[in-house]
Protein backbone atom coordinates (compact mmCIF):
# COMPACT_ATOMS: atom_id res chain seq x y z
CA MET A 1 24.84 4.32 -13.08
CA SER A 2 25.37 8.16 -11.45
CA PRO A 3 27.56 8.37 -8.96
CA LEU A 4 25.12 10.21 -6.87
CA ILE A 5 23.56 7.10 -6.37
CA ASP A 6 23.88 4.79 -3.95
CA ALA A 7 22.47 1.04 -4.90
CA LEU A 8 20.24 -0.45 -1.73
CA PRO A 9 22.27 -1.33 1.37
CA LYS A 10 23.36 -4.77 2.46
CA PRO A 11 21.71 -5.85 4.54
CA LEU A 12 18.62 -4.63 3.44
CA PRO A 13 17.22 -2.10 6.09
CA ARG A 14 14.41 -3.87 8.44
CA GLU A 15 11.56 -1.46 7.25
CA PRO A 16 11.38 0.77 3.93
CA LEU A 17 9.26 3.84 4.83
CA SER A 18 12.58 5.49 6.45
CA THR A 19 14.66 4.76 3.62
CA VAL A 20 11.68 6.63 1.56
CA GLN A 21 11.17 9.59 4.13
CA ARG A 22 15.19 9.90 3.31
CA TRP A 23 14.74 9.79 -0.71
CA GLN A 24 11.88 12.56 -0.58
CA ALA A 25 13.76 15.17 1.55
CA GLU A 26 16.75 14.30 -0.72
CA ALA A 27 14.86 14.90 -3.76
CA THR A 28 13.47 18.04 -2.38
CA SER A 29 16.81 19.69 -1.17
CA ARG A 30 18.64 19.10 -4.45
CA ARG A 31 15.68 20.79 -6.35
CA THR A 32 16.19 19.21 -9.38
CA GLN A 33 12.84 18.95 -10.31
CA PRO A 34 9.50 20.31 -9.48
CA ASN A 35 6.95 18.93 -7.03
CA PRO A 36 9.58 16.41 -5.13
CA ASN A 37 6.55 14.91 -3.24
CA ALA A 38 4.32 14.41 -6.13
CA MET A 39 2.94 10.81 -6.35
CA THR A 40 0.58 8.81 -9.13
CA LEU A 41 -2.05 7.69 -7.05
CA ALA A 42 -4.15 4.65 -8.45
CA THR A 43 -7.76 3.47 -6.87
CA VAL A 44 -10.81 1.42 -9.10
CA ASP A 45 -13.97 1.80 -8.75
CA GLY A 46 -16.87 -0.96 -7.65
CA ARG A 47 -16.51 -2.66 -11.72
CA GLY A 48 -13.03 -2.97 -10.74
CA TYR A 49 -11.99 0.00 -13.56
CA PRO A 50 -8.63 1.32 -12.30
CA ALA A 51 -7.78 5.16 -12.58
CA ALA A 52 -4.78 7.10 -11.57
CA ARG A 53 -3.93 10.75 -10.97
CA ILE A 54 -1.21 12.68 -9.37
CA VAL A 55 -1.86 14.15 -5.52
CA LEU A 56 0.84 15.29 -3.25
CA CYS A 57 2.31 12.92 -0.75
CA LYS A 58 2.35 15.49 2.35
CA GLU A 59 3.50 13.00 5.11
CA ILE A 60 5.69 9.95 5.62
CA VAL A 61 5.25 7.97 9.06
CA PRO A 62 7.86 5.59 9.27
CA LYS A 63 5.89 3.98 12.57
CA PRO A 64 3.09 2.82 12.51
CA GLY A 65 3.75 2.95 8.41
CA TYR A 66 1.76 5.23 6.38
CA ILE A 67 2.09 8.11 3.51
CA SER A 68 -0.94 10.93 3.88
CA PHE A 69 -2.61 12.97 1.18
CA TYR A 70 -5.54 15.31 0.75
CA THR A 71 -8.22 15.64 -1.43
CA ASN A 72 -11.76 16.54 -1.75
CA TYR A 73 -13.97 13.38 -0.53
CA GLU A 74 -17.08 13.53 -3.41
CA SER A 75 -13.86 13.87 -6.03
CA ARG A 76 -13.99 10.38 -8.35
CA LYS A 77 -11.31 9.17 -6.14
CA GLY A 78 -12.57 10.02 -2.77
CA GLN A 79 -15.66 8.42 -3.75
CA GLU A 80 -13.54 4.98 -5.47
CA LEU A 81 -11.33 5.12 -1.93
CA ALA A 82 -15.23 4.90 -0.30
CA ALA A 83 -16.24 2.25 -2.32
CA ILE A 84 -12.90 0.15 -2.16
CA PRO A 85 -10.64 1.69 0.50
CA ARG A 86 -7.39 0.48 -0.75
CA ALA A 87 -4.78 2.14 -3.08
CA ALA A 88 -1.64 2.54 -4.75
CA VAL A 89 1.02 4.72 -4.98
CA VAL A 90 4.48 5.44 -7.05
CA MET A 91 7.15 7.90 -6.65
CA HIS A 92 9.39 8.58 -9.38
CA TRP A 93 12.42 10.63 -9.44
CA ASP A 94 13.71 10.68 -12.73
CA HIS A 95 16.87 12.81 -11.27
CA LEU A 96 17.69 10.55 -8.59
CA HIS A 97 16.89 7.88 -10.92
CA ARG A 98 15.06 6.16 -7.80
CA GLN A 99 11.22 4.36 -7.57
CA VAL A 100 9.06 4.01 -4.68
CA ARG A 101 5.89 1.55 -4.57
CA ILE A 102 3.37 1.83 -1.81
CA GLU A 103 0.23 -0.20 -1.34
CA GLY A 104 -2.75 -1.09 1.14
CA PRO A 105 -5.76 0.11 2.85
CA ILE A 106 -6.84 3.10 3.14
CA THR A 107 -8.55 5.33 6.18
CA ARG A 108 -9.12 8.69 6.87
CA THR A 109 -7.26 11.08 8.78
CA SER A 110 -8.90 13.14 11.59
CA SER A 111 -11.30 15.80 11.72
CA ALA A 112 -8.12 17.53 13.80
CA ASN A 113 -5.36 16.11 11.23
CA SER A 114 -7.57 17.66 8.53
CA ASP A 115 -8.52 20.67 9.97
CA ALA A 116 -4.59 21.86 10.74
CA TYR A 117 -3.46 21.35 7.01
CA PHE A 118 -6.30 22.96 5.86
CA ALA A 119 -5.32 26.18 7.31
CA SER A 120 -1.60 25.82 6.82
CA ARG A 121 -2.82 26.05 3.02
CA HIS A 122 -2.46 29.66 0.62
CA TRP A 123 -6.00 31.30 1.25
CA GLN A 124 -6.90 30.85 -2.58
CA SER A 125 -6.36 27.34 -1.95
CA ARG A 126 -8.52 27.39 1.00
CA LEU A 127 -11.33 29.34 -0.87
CA GLY A 128 -10.72 27.21 -4.22
CA ALA A 129 -11.67 23.70 -2.27
CA TRP A 130 -15.20 25.80 -1.38
CA ALA A 131 -15.89 26.56 -5.02
CA SER A 132 -14.68 23.76 -6.99
CA GLU A 133 -17.16 20.95 -6.97
CA GLN A 134 -14.44 18.20 -7.09
CA SER A 135 -15.18 16.04 -10.96
CA ARG A 136 -18.13 17.59 -11.31
CA PRO A 137 -19.21 18.60 -14.76
CA ILE A 138 -19.23 22.37 -15.62
CA LYS A 139 -20.09 24.41 -18.36
CA SER A 140 -16.93 26.50 -18.91
CA ARG A 141 -14.07 28.42 -17.37
CA ALA A 142 -15.84 31.58 -16.85
CA ALA A 143 -18.73 29.60 -15.05
CA LEU A 144 -15.81 28.42 -12.69
CA MET A 145 -14.47 31.49 -11.77
CA ALA A 146 -17.83 33.05 -11.52
CA ALA A 147 -18.47 30.21 -8.82
CA PHE A 148 -14.76 31.34 -6.84
CA SER A 149 -15.62 35.01 -7.23
CA ASP A 150 -19.27 34.33 -5.90
CA THR A 151 -17.57 32.15 -3.00
CA ALA A 152 -15.39 34.44 -2.43
CA ARG A 153 -17.69 37.61 -2.06
CA ARG A 154 -20.10 34.87 0.49
CA LEU A 155 -16.94 34.46 2.68
CA GLY A 156 -16.15 37.93 2.63
CA LEU A 157 -12.77 37.54 0.81
CA PRO A 158 -11.22 39.18 -2.39
CA ALA A 159 -11.43 37.92 -5.59
CA LEU A 160 -9.06 36.32 -7.56
CA SER A 161 -6.42 38.20 -8.76
CA GLY A 162 -2.78 39.58 -9.44
CA GLU A 163 -3.47 42.78 -6.81
CA SER A 164 -4.50 39.83 -3.93
CA ASN A 165 -2.55 37.88 -3.36
CA GLY A 166 -1.88 38.72 0.48
CA ASP A 167 -3.17 36.62 3.16
CA PRO A 168 -6.76 39.13 4.04
CA ASN A 169 -6.69 37.62 7.36
CA VAL A 170 -10.24 35.97 7.12
CA ALA A 171 -10.91 32.56 8.52
CA ILE A 172 -11.92 30.20 6.22
CA PRO A 173 -12.95 26.82 7.52
CA ARG A 174 -12.53 23.57 6.48
CA PRO A 175 -15.28 22.22 3.94
CA PRO A 176 -16.69 18.56 5.34
CA ASN A 177 -16.53 16.85 2.19
CA TRP A 178 -12.57 18.01 1.78
CA GLY A 179 -9.76 16.45 3.96
CA GLY A 180 -6.80 13.88 4.56
CA TYR A 181 -6.34 10.30 3.75
CA HIS A 182 -3.55 7.85 5.47
CA LEU A 183 -2.50 5.07 2.92
CA TRP A 184 -1.27 2.39 5.29
CA ALA A 185 1.94 0.33 3.95
CA GLU A 186 1.56 -3.03 3.62
CA ARG A 187 3.92 -3.15 0.50
CA VAL A 188 7.04 -1.42 -0.35
CA GLU A 189 8.96 -1.41 -3.37
CA LEU A 190 12.17 0.23 -3.36
CA TRP A 191 13.85 0.38 -7.33
CA VAL A 192 17.16 2.29 -7.95
CA GLU A 193 18.35 2.50 -11.29
CA GLY A 194 21.25 -0.07 -12.77
CA ASP A 195 23.68 0.33 -15.11
CA ALA A 196 22.72 -2.25 -18.11
CA ARG A 197 19.20 -2.07 -17.06
CA LEU A 198 20.33 -4.24 -13.83
CA HIS A 199 18.17 -2.46 -11.24
CA ASP A 200 18.40 -2.87 -7.93
CA ARG A 201 15.13 -3.86 -6.44
CA ALA A 202 13.23 -4.80 -3.10
CA VAL A 203 10.01 -5.44 -1.61
CA TRP A 204 8.65 -5.21 1.64
CA THR A 205 5.73 -6.82 2.64
CA ARG A 206 3.63 -7.26 6.42
CA GLU A 207 0.36 -8.19 7.52
CA LEU A 208 -1.87 -5.24 8.80
CA ALA A 209 -4.43 -5.45 12.05
CA GLN A 210 -7.00 -3.18 12.24
CA ASP A 211 -6.76 -0.98 15.35
CA GLY A 212 -9.37 1.38 16.18
CA GLU A 213 -9.19 4.21 13.44
CA GLY A 214 -6.10 2.89 12.03
CA PHE A 215 -3.96 0.18 11.59
CA SER A 216 -1.13 -2.09 13.35
CA GLY A 217 1.42 -3.94 11.15
CA GLY A 218 3.57 -7.19 11.96
CA PRO A 219 6.90 -7.31 11.43
CA TRP A 220 8.07 -6.60 7.97
CA SER A 221 9.65 -9.37 5.65
CA VAL A 222 11.67 -8.16 2.90
CA GLN A 223 13.80 -9.75 -0.34
CA ARG A 224 15.43 -8.63 -3.33
CA LEU A 225 13.91 -8.82 -6.88
CA GLN A 226 15.17 -9.32 -10.62
CA PRO A 227 15.02 -6.46 -12.58
């Protein structure tokens, strides 16, 4: 095993998301791979057919226990989450020999939360959220760029070009079909690569109860797993 990598501690932590938060911070600070907050998000549709894609983890909150990501609510994943509001994610930092799996129910973030994050994005990304009908068919790349330019003109913004990277200081409100989700951790597995394929694995589980717009969680149970 790499001398940089520690096995899971003994005894195991009482809750797992603080460790996930620390691992992601370490992956970010080491700068050994791009997008250290990238994670695979898996959903299912009404037929039970799974789909997976990469999204960015924007927040890890150990208490009450959720992670956050943002997307178009009318995209394929948005429609699937509306029909079946459960998901699973995988974070894998190959340079650190670590992996995280999180499963649980999904809720939308508050409008204020989504507004705040949307306002923090680069203005061209905010403009792109208005221009793209995510996951819908389009005739060509040229048609997509034309839609971007048309949206820029409608909102009083410069077109996308190498000369327009500076913030034009024009307010771009959040589209009503774009925002955030909380994935409430019901099951969390931590994995550390080991020599001779003797990986270190542990799983935490808890019961969740609906609590207003989100969930409250009972105490975590934890056990080690064989690789």
